[in-house]
PDB file of all heavy atoms in Angstrom:
ATOM      1  N   GLU A   1     -10.248  -8.583  -5.204  1.00  0.00           N
ATOM      2  CA  GLU A   1     -11.363  -8.626  -6.147  1.00  0.00           C
ATOM      3  C   GLU A   1     -12.675  -9.008  -5.420  1.00  0.00           C
ATOM      4  O   GLU A   1     -13.735  -8.455  -5.689  1.00  0.00           O
ATOM      5  CB  GLU A   1     -11.068  -9.608  -7.275  1.00  0.00           C
ATOM      6  CG  GLU A   1     -12.113  -9.653  -8.354  1.00  0.00           C
ATOM      7  CD  GLU A   1     -11.754 -10.515  -9.550  1.00  0.00           C
ATOM      8  OE1 GLU A   1     -10.775 -11.311  -9.409  1.00  0.00           O
ATOM      9  OE2 GLU A   1     -12.372 -10.363 -10.584  1.00  0.00           O
ATOM     10  N   ALA A   2     -12.567  -9.958  -4.514  1.00  0.00           N
ATOM     11  CA  ALA A   2     -13.730 -10.385  -3.803  1.00  0.00           C
ATOM     12  C   ALA A   2     -14.378  -9.273  -2.920  1.00  0.00           C
ATOM     13  O   ALA A   2     -15.593  -9.312  -2.719  1.00  0.00           O
ATOM     14  CB  ALA A   2     -13.408 -11.569  -2.891  1.00  0.00           C
ATOM     15  N   TYR A   3     -13.627  -8.293  -2.502  1.00  0.00           N
ATOM     16  CA  TYR A   3     -14.149  -7.207  -1.742  1.00  0.00           C
ATOM     17  C   TYR A   3     -15.076  -6.300  -2.576  1.00  0.00           C
ATOM     18  O   TYR A   3     -15.866  -5.538  -2.019  1.00  0.00           O
ATOM     19  CB  TYR A   3     -13.024  -6.343  -1.128  1.00  0.00           C
ATOM     20  CG  TYR A   3     -12.539  -6.868   0.208  1.00  0.00           C
ATOM     21  CD1 TYR A   3     -11.650  -7.903   0.327  1.00  0.00           C
ATOM     22  CD2 TYR A   3     -12.965  -6.260   1.389  1.00  0.00           C
ATOM     23  CE1 TYR A   3     -11.202  -8.367   1.543  1.00  0.00           C
ATOM     24  CE2 TYR A   3     -12.548  -6.720   2.606  1.00  0.00           C
ATOM     25  CZ  TYR A   3     -11.664  -7.728   2.678  1.00  0.00           C
ATOM     26  OH  TYR A   3     -11.226  -8.179   3.905  1.00  0.00           O
ATOM     27  N   ARG A   4     -14.924  -6.338  -3.884  1.00  0.00           N
ATOM     28  CA  ARG A   4     -15.729  -5.535  -4.802  1.00  0.00           C
ATOM     29  C   ARG A   4     -15.655  -4.014  -4.556  1.00  0.00           C
ATOM     30  O   ARG A   4     -16.647  -3.291  -4.744  1.00  0.00           O
ATOM     31  CB  ARG A   4     -17.214  -5.993  -4.732  1.00  0.00           C
ATOM     32  CG  ARG A   4     -17.434  -7.391  -5.147  1.00  0.00           C
ATOM     33  CD  ARG A   4     -18.896  -7.743  -5.111  1.00  0.00           C
ATOM     34  NE  ARG A   4     -19.125  -9.133  -5.330  1.00  0.00           N
ATOM     35  CZ  ARG A   4     -20.268  -9.726  -5.045  1.00  0.00           C
ATOM     36  NH1 ARG A   4     -21.287  -9.068  -4.637  1.00  0.00           N
ATOM     37  NH2 ARG A   4     -20.358 -11.027  -5.291  1.00  0.00           N
ATOM     38  N   LEU A   5     -14.518  -3.544  -4.180  1.00  0.00           N
ATOM     39  CA  LEU A   5     -14.359  -2.103  -3.890  1.00  0.00           C
ATOM     40  C   LEU A   5     -13.300  -1.476  -4.818  1.00  0.00           C
ATOM     41  O   LEU A   5     -13.249  -0.267  -4.955  1.00  0.00           O
ATOM     42  CB  LEU A   5     -13.928  -1.863  -2.430  1.00  0.00           C
ATOM     43  CG  LEU A   5     -15.024  -2.221  -1.430  1.00  0.00           C
ATOM     44  CD1 LEU A   5     -14.474  -2.137  -0.025  1.00  0.00           C
ATOM     45  CD2 LEU A   5     -16.225  -1.323  -1.555  1.00  0.00           C
ATOM     46  N   VAL A   6     -12.476  -2.306  -5.454  1.00  0.00           N
ATOM     47  CA  VAL A   6     -11.451  -1.810  -6.315  1.00  0.00           C
ATOM     48  C   VAL A   6     -11.840  -2.085  -7.791  1.00  0.00           C
ATOM     49  O   VAL A   6     -12.225  -3.237  -8.068  1.00  0.00           O
ATOM     50  CB  VAL A   6     -10.055  -2.486  -6.061  1.00  0.00           C
ATOM     51  CG1 VAL A   6      -8.970  -2.028  -6.977  1.00  0.00           C
ATOM     52  CG2 VAL A   6      -9.642  -2.238  -4.598  1.00  0.00           C
ATOM     53  N   PRO A   7     -11.865  -1.088  -8.646  1.00  0.00           N
ATOM     54  CA  PRO A   7     -12.214  -1.341 -10.028  1.00  0.00           C
ATOM     55  C   PRO A   7     -11.288  -2.423 -10.633  1.00  0.00           C
ATOM     56  O   PRO A   7     -10.100  -2.461 -10.348  1.00  0.00           O
ATOM     57  CB  PRO A   7     -12.014   0.010 -10.723  1.00  0.00           C
ATOM     58  CG  PRO A   7     -12.049   1.016  -9.641  1.00  0.00           C
ATOM     59  CD  PRO A   7     -11.534   0.347  -8.400  1.00  0.00           C
ATOM     60  N   ARG A   8     -11.888  -3.224 -11.504  1.00  0.00           N
ATOM     61  CA  ARG A   8     -11.137  -4.358 -12.091  1.00  0.00           C
ATOM     62  C   ARG A   8      -9.830  -3.925 -12.737  1.00  0.00           C
ATOM     63  O   ARG A   8      -8.816  -4.600 -12.601  1.00  0.00           O
ATOM     64  CB  ARG A   8     -12.026  -5.065 -13.161  1.00  0.00           C
ATOM     65  CG  ARG A   8     -11.407  -6.279 -13.717  1.00  0.00           C
ATOM     66  CD  ARG A   8     -12.344  -7.057 -14.616  1.00  0.00           C
ATOM     67  NE  ARG A   8     -13.524  -7.640 -13.913  1.00  0.00           N
ATOM     68  CZ  ARG A   8     -13.527  -8.772 -13.212  1.00  0.00           C
ATOM     69  NH1 ARG A   8     -12.403  -9.456 -13.122  1.00  0.00           N
ATOM     70  NH2 ARG A   8     -14.589  -9.209 -12.635  1.00  0.00           N
ATOM     71  N   ALA A   9      -9.805  -2.748 -13.394  1.00  0.00           N
ATOM     72  CA  ALA A   9      -8.581  -2.275 -14.055  1.00  0.00           C
ATOM     73  C   ALA A   9      -7.480  -1.966 -13.071  1.00  0.00           C
ATOM     74  O   ALA A   9      -6.314  -1.908 -13.435  1.00  0.00           O
ATOM     75  CB  ALA A   9      -8.898  -1.096 -14.937  1.00  0.00           C
ATOM     76  N   LEU A  10      -7.849  -1.696 -11.828  1.00  0.00           N
ATOM     77  CA  LEU A  10      -6.880  -1.316 -10.835  1.00  0.00           C
ATOM     78  C   LEU A  10      -6.494  -2.447  -9.859  1.00  0.00           C
ATOM     79  O   LEU A  10      -5.660  -2.257  -8.965  1.00  0.00           O
ATOM     80  CB  LEU A  10      -7.387  -0.147  -9.975  1.00  0.00           C
ATOM     81  CG  LEU A  10      -7.659   1.154 -10.779  1.00  0.00           C
ATOM     82  CD1 LEU A  10      -8.217   2.230  -9.866  1.00  0.00           C
ATOM     83  CD2 LEU A  10      -6.357   1.629 -11.438  1.00  0.00           C
ATOM     84  N   LEU A  11      -7.028  -3.638 -10.083  1.00  0.00           N
ATOM     85  CA  LEU A  11      -6.778  -4.748  -9.132  1.00  0.00           C
ATOM     86  C   LEU A  11      -5.323  -5.154  -9.131  1.00  0.00           C
ATOM     87  O   LEU A  11      -4.718  -5.335  -8.074  1.00  0.00           O
ATOM     88  CB  LEU A  11      -7.667  -5.943  -9.483  1.00  0.00           C
ATOM     89  CG  LEU A  11      -9.106  -5.859  -9.035  1.00  0.00           C
ATOM     90  CD1 LEU A  11      -9.917  -7.011  -9.627  1.00  0.00           C
ATOM     91  CD2 LEU A  11      -9.164  -5.886  -7.534  1.00  0.00           C
ATOM     92  N   THR A  12      -4.699  -5.319 -10.265  1.00  0.00           N
ATOM     93  CA  THR A  12      -3.298  -5.781 -10.326  1.00  0.00           C
ATOM     94  C   THR A  12      -2.394  -4.644  -9.712  1.00  0.00           C
ATOM     95  O   THR A  12      -1.554  -4.989  -8.855  1.00  0.00           O
ATOM     96  CB  THR A  12      -2.856  -6.099 -11.732  1.00  0.00           C
ATOM     97  OG1 THR A  12      -3.678  -7.207 -12.159  1.00  0.00           O
ATOM     98  CG2 THR A  12      -1.408  -6.507 -11.816  1.00  0.00           C
ATOM     99  N   PRO A  13      -2.543  -3.368 -10.131  1.00  0.00           N
ATOM    100  CA  PRO A  13      -1.642  -2.368  -9.499  1.00  0.00           C
ATOM    101  C   PRO A  13      -1.889  -2.298  -7.982  1.00  0.00           C
ATOM    102  O   PRO A  13      -0.956  -2.153  -7.202  1.00  0.00           O
ATOM    103  CB  PRO A  13      -2.058  -1.070 -10.153  1.00  0.00           C
ATOM    104  CG  PRO A  13      -2.692  -1.462 -11.455  1.00  0.00           C
ATOM    105  CD  PRO A  13      -3.308  -2.808 -11.235  1.00  0.00           C
ATOM    106  N   ALA A  14      -3.154  -2.372  -7.544  1.00  0.00           N
ATOM    107  CA  ALA A  14      -3.430  -2.264  -6.120  1.00  0.00           C
ATOM    108  C   ALA A  14      -2.878  -3.454  -5.370  1.00  0.00           C
ATOM    109  O   ALA A  14      -2.373  -3.297  -4.238  1.00  0.00           O
ATOM    110  CB  ALA A  14      -4.962  -2.198  -5.899  1.00  0.00           C
ATOM    111  N   SER A  15      -2.901  -4.627  -5.979  1.00  0.00           N
ATOM    112  CA  SER A  15      -2.355  -5.825  -5.282  1.00  0.00           C
ATOM    113  C   SER A  15      -0.863  -5.724  -5.125  1.00  0.00           C
ATOM    114  O   SER A  15      -0.296  -6.355  -4.215  1.00  0.00           O
ATOM    115  CB  SER A  15      -2.798  -7.097  -5.992  1.00  0.00           C
ATOM    116  OG  SER A  15      -2.158  -7.226  -7.269  1.00  0.00           O
ATOM    117  N   VAL A  16      -0.211  -4.967  -5.960  1.00  0.00           N
ATOM    118  CA  VAL A  16       1.229  -4.743  -5.815  1.00  0.00           C
ATOM    119  C   VAL A  16       1.540  -3.573  -4.882  1.00  0.00           C
ATOM    120  O   VAL A  16       2.428  -3.635  -4.030  1.00  0.00           O
ATOM    121  CB  VAL A  16       1.842  -4.514  -7.194  1.00  0.00           C
ATOM    122  CG1 VAL A  16       3.309  -4.085  -7.075  1.00  0.00           C
ATOM    123  CG2 VAL A  16       1.749  -5.747  -8.083  1.00  0.00           C
ATOM    124  N   LEU A  17       0.720  -2.501  -5.045  1.00  0.00           N
ATOM    125  CA  LEU A  17       0.987  -1.273  -4.271  1.00  0.00           C
ATOM    126  C   LEU A  17       0.640  -1.412  -2.796  1.00  0.00           C
ATOM    127  O   LEU A  17       1.354  -0.846  -1.947  1.00  0.00           O
ATOM    128  CB  LEU A  17       0.221  -0.114  -4.833  1.00  0.00           C
ATOM    129  CG  LEU A  17       0.793   0.457  -6.145  1.00  0.00           C
ATOM    130  CD1 LEU A  17      -0.126   1.501  -6.737  1.00  0.00           C
ATOM    131  CD2 LEU A  17       2.175   1.025  -5.955  1.00  0.00           C
ATOM    132  N   LEU A  18      -0.369  -2.182  -2.407  1.00  0.00           N
ATOM    133  CA  LEU A  18      -0.732  -2.265  -0.999  1.00  0.00           C
ATOM    134  C   LEU A  18       0.401  -2.903  -0.186  1.00  0.00           C
ATOM    135  O   LEU A  18       0.748  -2.349   0.876  1.00  0.00           O
ATOM    136  CB  LEU A  18      -2.007  -3.008  -0.853  1.00  0.00           C
ATOM    137  CG  LEU A  18      -3.277  -2.153  -0.990  1.00  0.00           C
ATOM    138  CD1 LEU A  18      -4.547  -2.962  -1.006  1.00  0.00           C
ATOM    139  CD2 LEU A  18      -3.331  -1.094   0.071  1.00  0.00           C
ATOM    140  N   PRO A  19       0.963  -4.064  -0.556  1.00  0.00           N
ATOM    141  CA  PRO A  19       2.079  -4.578   0.256  1.00  0.00           C
ATOM    142  C   PRO A  19       3.273  -3.662   0.264  1.00  0.00           C
ATOM    143  O   PRO A  19       3.950  -3.531   1.272  1.00  0.00           O
ATOM    144  CB  PRO A  19       2.400  -5.953  -0.357  1.00  0.00           C
ATOM    145  CG  PRO A  19       1.549  -6.127  -1.546  1.00  0.00           C
ATOM    146  CD  PRO A  19       0.552  -5.001  -1.622  1.00  0.00           C
ATOM    147  N   LEU A  20       3.588  -3.048  -0.925  1.00  0.00           N
ATOM    148  CA  LEU A  20       4.707  -2.064  -0.904  1.00  0.00           C
ATOM    149  C   LEU A  20       4.433  -0.889   0.011  1.00  0.00           C
ATOM    150  O   LEU A  20       5.332  -0.407   0.692  1.00  0.00           O
ATOM    151  CB  LEU A  20       4.935  -1.589  -2.334  1.00  0.00           C
ATOM    152  CG  LEU A  20       5.558  -2.587  -3.332  1.00  0.00           C
ATOM    153  CD1 LEU A  20       5.586  -2.002  -4.745  1.00  0.00           C
ATOM    154  CD2 LEU A  20       6.928  -2.975  -2.837  1.00  0.00           C
ATOM    155  N   THR A  21       3.185  -0.432   0.047  1.00  0.00           N
ATOM    156  CA  THR A  21       2.814   0.646   0.947  1.00  0.00           C
ATOM    157  C   THR A  21       2.973   0.272   2.392  1.00  0.00           C
ATOM    158  O   THR A  21       3.505   1.008   3.197  1.00  0.00           O
ATOM    159  CB  THR A  21       1.376   1.106   0.623  1.00  0.00           C
ATOM    160  OG1 THR A  21       1.285   1.534  -0.733  1.00  0.00           O
ATOM    161  CG2 THR A  21       0.928   2.228   1.559  1.00  0.00           C
ATOM    162  N   GLU A  22       2.461  -0.895   2.750  1.00  0.00           N
ATOM    163  CA  GLU A  22       2.567  -1.374   4.137  1.00  0.00           C
ATOM    164  C   GLU A  22       4.050  -1.506   4.547  1.00  0.00           C
ATOM    165  O   GLU A  22       4.407  -1.031   5.627  1.00  0.00           O
ATOM    166  CB  GLU A  22       1.904  -2.745   4.300  1.00  0.00           C
ATOM    167  CG  GLU A  22       0.399  -2.699   4.218  1.00  0.00           C
ATOM    168  CD  GLU A  22      -0.258  -4.056   4.296  1.00  0.00           C
ATOM    169  OE1 GLU A  22       0.422  -5.101   4.074  1.00  0.00           O
ATOM    170  OE2 GLU A  22      -1.480  -4.105   4.584  1.00  0.00           O
ATOM    171  N   ALA A  23       4.870  -2.063   3.695  1.00  0.00           N
ATOM    172  CA  ALA A  23       6.308  -2.202   4.015  1.00  0.00           C
ATOM    173  C   ALA A  23       6.990  -0.831   4.093  1.00  0.00           C
ATOM    174  O   ALA A  23       7.745  -0.565   5.013  1.00  0.00           O
ATOM    175  CB  ALA A  23       6.991  -3.099   2.969  1.00  0.00           C
ATOM    176  N   GLY A  24       6.694   0.021   3.156  1.00  0.00           N
ATOM    177  CA  GLY A  24       7.295   1.366   3.120  1.00  0.00           C
ATOM    178  C   GLY A  24       6.906   2.233   4.321  1.00  0.00           C
ATOM    179  O   GLY A  24       7.733   2.883   4.927  1.00  0.00           O
ATOM    180  N   LEU A  25       5.620   2.206   4.717  1.00  0.00           N
ATOM    181  CA  LEU A  25       5.186   2.901   5.896  1.00  0.00           C
ATOM    182  C   LEU A  25       5.805   2.321   7.157  1.00  0.00           C
ATOM    183  O   LEU A  25       6.197   3.093   8.057  1.00  0.00           O
ATOM    184  CB  LEU A  25       3.665   2.872   5.981  1.00  0.00           C
ATOM    185  CG  LEU A  25       2.895   3.648   4.929  1.00  0.00           C
ATOM    186  CD1 LEU A  25       1.422   3.419   5.044  1.00  0.00           C
ATOM    187  CD2 LEU A  25       3.247   5.121   4.965  1.00  0.00           C
ATOM    188  N   SER A  26       5.964   1.071   7.200  1.00  0.00           N
ATOM    189  CA  SER A  26       6.598   0.444   8.393  1.00  0.00           C
ATOM    190  C   SER A  26       8.043   0.928   8.536  1.00  0.00           C
ATOM    191  O   SER A  26       8.471   1.300   9.617  1.00  0.00           O
ATOM    192  CB  SER A  26       6.544  -1.096   8.211  1.00  0.00           C
ATOM    193  OG  SER A  26       7.278  -1.690   9.242  1.00  0.00           O
ATOM    194  N   VAL A  27       8.777   0.911   7.439  1.00  0.00           N
ATOM    195  CA  VAL A  27      10.206   1.350   7.450  1.00  0.00           C
ATOM    196  C   VAL A  27      10.232   2.845   7.745  1.00  0.00           C
ATOM    197  O   VAL A  27      11.106   3.286   8.503  1.00  0.00           O
ATOM    198  CB  VAL A  27      10.887   0.967   6.172  1.00  0.00           C
ATOM    199  CG1 VAL A  27      12.242   1.607   6.072  1.00  0.00           C
ATOM    200  CG2 VAL A  27      10.978  -0.563   6.014  1.00  0.00           C
ATOM    201  N   GLY A  28       9.298   3.571   7.137  1.00  0.00           N
ATOM    202  CA  GLY A  28       9.273   5.031   7.356  1.00  0.00           C
ATOM    203  C   GLY A  28       9.045   5.470   8.767  1.00  0.00           C
ATOM    204  O   GLY A  28       9.446   6.573   9.152  1.00  0.00           O
ATOM    205  N   LEU A  29       8.475   4.593   9.610  1.00  0.00           N
ATOM    206  CA  LEU A  29       8.274   4.946  10.993  1.00  0.00           C
ATOM    207  C   LEU A  29       9.629   5.084  11.740  1.00  0.00           C
ATOM    208  O   LEU A  29       9.675   5.792  12.747  1.00  0.00           O
ATOM    209  CB  LEU A  29       7.470   3.883  11.730  1.00  0.00           C
ATOM    210  CG  LEU A  29       5.995   3.877  11.561  1.00  0.00           C
ATOM    211  CD1 LEU A  29       5.356   2.650  12.276  1.00  0.00           C
ATOM    212  CD2 LEU A  29       5.342   5.176  12.050  1.00  0.00           C
ATOM    213  N   PHE A  30      10.649   4.461  11.241  1.00  0.00           N
ATOM    214  CA  PHE A  30      11.974   4.551  11.871  1.00  0.00           C
ATOM    215  C   PHE A  30      12.726   5.781  11.460  1.00  0.00           C
ATOM    216  O   PHE A  30      13.781   6.067  12.051  1.00  0.00           O
ATOM    217  CB  PHE A  30      12.785   3.230  11.557  1.00  0.00           C
ATOM    218  CG  PHE A  30      12.241   2.015  12.205  1.00  0.00           C
ATOM    219  CD1 PHE A  30      11.381   1.205  11.530  1.00  0.00           C
ATOM    220  CD2 PHE A  30      12.590   1.739  13.537  1.00  0.00           C
ATOM    221  CE1 PHE A  30      10.888   0.069  12.136  1.00  0.00           C
ATOM    222  CE2 PHE A  30      12.080   0.641  14.143  1.00  0.00           C
ATOM    223  CZ  PHE A  30      11.257  -0.219  13.463  1.00  0.00           C
ATOM    224  N   VAL A  31      12.240   6.507  10.475  1.00  0.00           N
ATOM    225  CA  VAL A  31      12.993   7.734   9.994  1.00  0.00           C
ATOM    226  C   VAL A  31      12.296   8.913  10.583  1.00  0.00           C
ATOM    227  O   VAL A  31      11.128   9.179  10.295  1.00  0.00           O
ATOM    228  CB  VAL A  31      12.927   7.750   8.417  1.00  0.00           C
ATOM    229  CG1 VAL A  31      13.646   8.997   7.894  1.00  0.00           C
ATOM    230  CG2 VAL A  31      13.503   6.493   7.819  1.00  0.00           C
ATOM    231  N   PRO A  32      12.999   9.684  11.417  1.00  0.00           N
ATOM    232  CA  PRO A  32      12.394  10.794  12.131  1.00  0.00           C
ATOM    233  C   PRO A  32      11.722  11.807  11.137  1.00  0.00           C
ATOM    234  O   PRO A  32      10.623  12.303  11.464  1.00  0.00           O
ATOM    235  CB  PRO A  32      13.573  11.474  12.830  1.00  0.00           C
ATOM    236  CG  PRO A  32      14.531  10.341  13.135  1.00  0.00           C
ATOM    237  CD  PRO A  32      14.412   9.460  11.895  1.00  0.00           C
ATOM    238  N   ALA A  33      12.299  12.056   9.990  1.00  0.00           N
ATOM    239  CA  ALA A  33      11.720  13.027   9.067  1.00  0.00           C
ATOM    240  C   ALA A  33      10.381  12.544   8.478  1.00  0.00           C
ATOM    241  O   ALA A  33       9.558  13.397   8.129  1.00  0.00           O
ATOM    242  CB  ALA A  33      12.704  13.303   7.966  1.00  0.00           C
ATOM    243  N   SER A  34      10.165  11.250   8.396  1.00  0.00           N
ATOM    244  CA  SER A  34       8.939  10.730   7.808  1.00  0.00           C
ATOM    245  C   SER A  34       8.003  10.092   8.805  1.00  0.00           C
ATOM    246  O   SER A  34       6.883   9.666   8.435  1.00  0.00           O
ATOM    247  CB  SER A  34       9.263   9.723   6.703  1.00  0.00           C
ATOM    248  OG  SER A  34       9.899   8.625   7.239  1.00  0.00           O
ATOM    249  N   ARG A  35       8.421  10.053  10.078  1.00  0.00           N
ATOM    250  CA  ARG A  35       7.653   9.301  11.080  1.00  0.00           C
ATOM    251  C   ARG A  35       6.212   9.789  11.218  1.00  0.00           C
ATOM    252  O   ARG A  35       5.247   9.008  11.193  1.00  0.00           O
ATOM    253  CB  ARG A  35       8.323   9.397  12.440  1.00  0.00           C
ATOM    254  CG  ARG A  35       7.679   8.595  13.529  1.00  0.00           C
ATOM    255  CD  ARG A  35       8.442   8.722  14.833  1.00  0.00           C
ATOM    256  NE  ARG A  35       9.765   8.148  14.681  1.00  0.00           N
ATOM    257  CZ  ARG A  35      10.907   8.719  15.083  1.00  0.00           C
ATOM    258  NH1 ARG A  35      10.852   9.920  15.625  1.00  0.00           N
ATOM    259  NH2 ARG A  35      12.048   8.130  14.885  1.00  0.00           N
ATOM    260  N   ALA A  36       5.964  11.133  11.342  1.00  0.00           N
ATOM    261  CA  ALA A  36       4.632  11.619  11.542  1.00  0.00           C
ATOM    262  C   ALA A  36       3.744  11.313  10.349  1.00  0.00           C
ATOM    263  O   ALA A  36       2.604  10.839  10.521  1.00  0.00           O
ATOM    264  CB  ALA A  36       4.675  13.146  11.749  1.00  0.00           C
TER     265      ALA A  36
END
């Protein structure tokens, strides 16, 4: 919220999705089909 770049209505979903995205992308690097 302090960054003032995410609309207020999307702050809660974004705060959940960003860590899930980081974790998912990290794990996906180990899978040859999704690595690129």
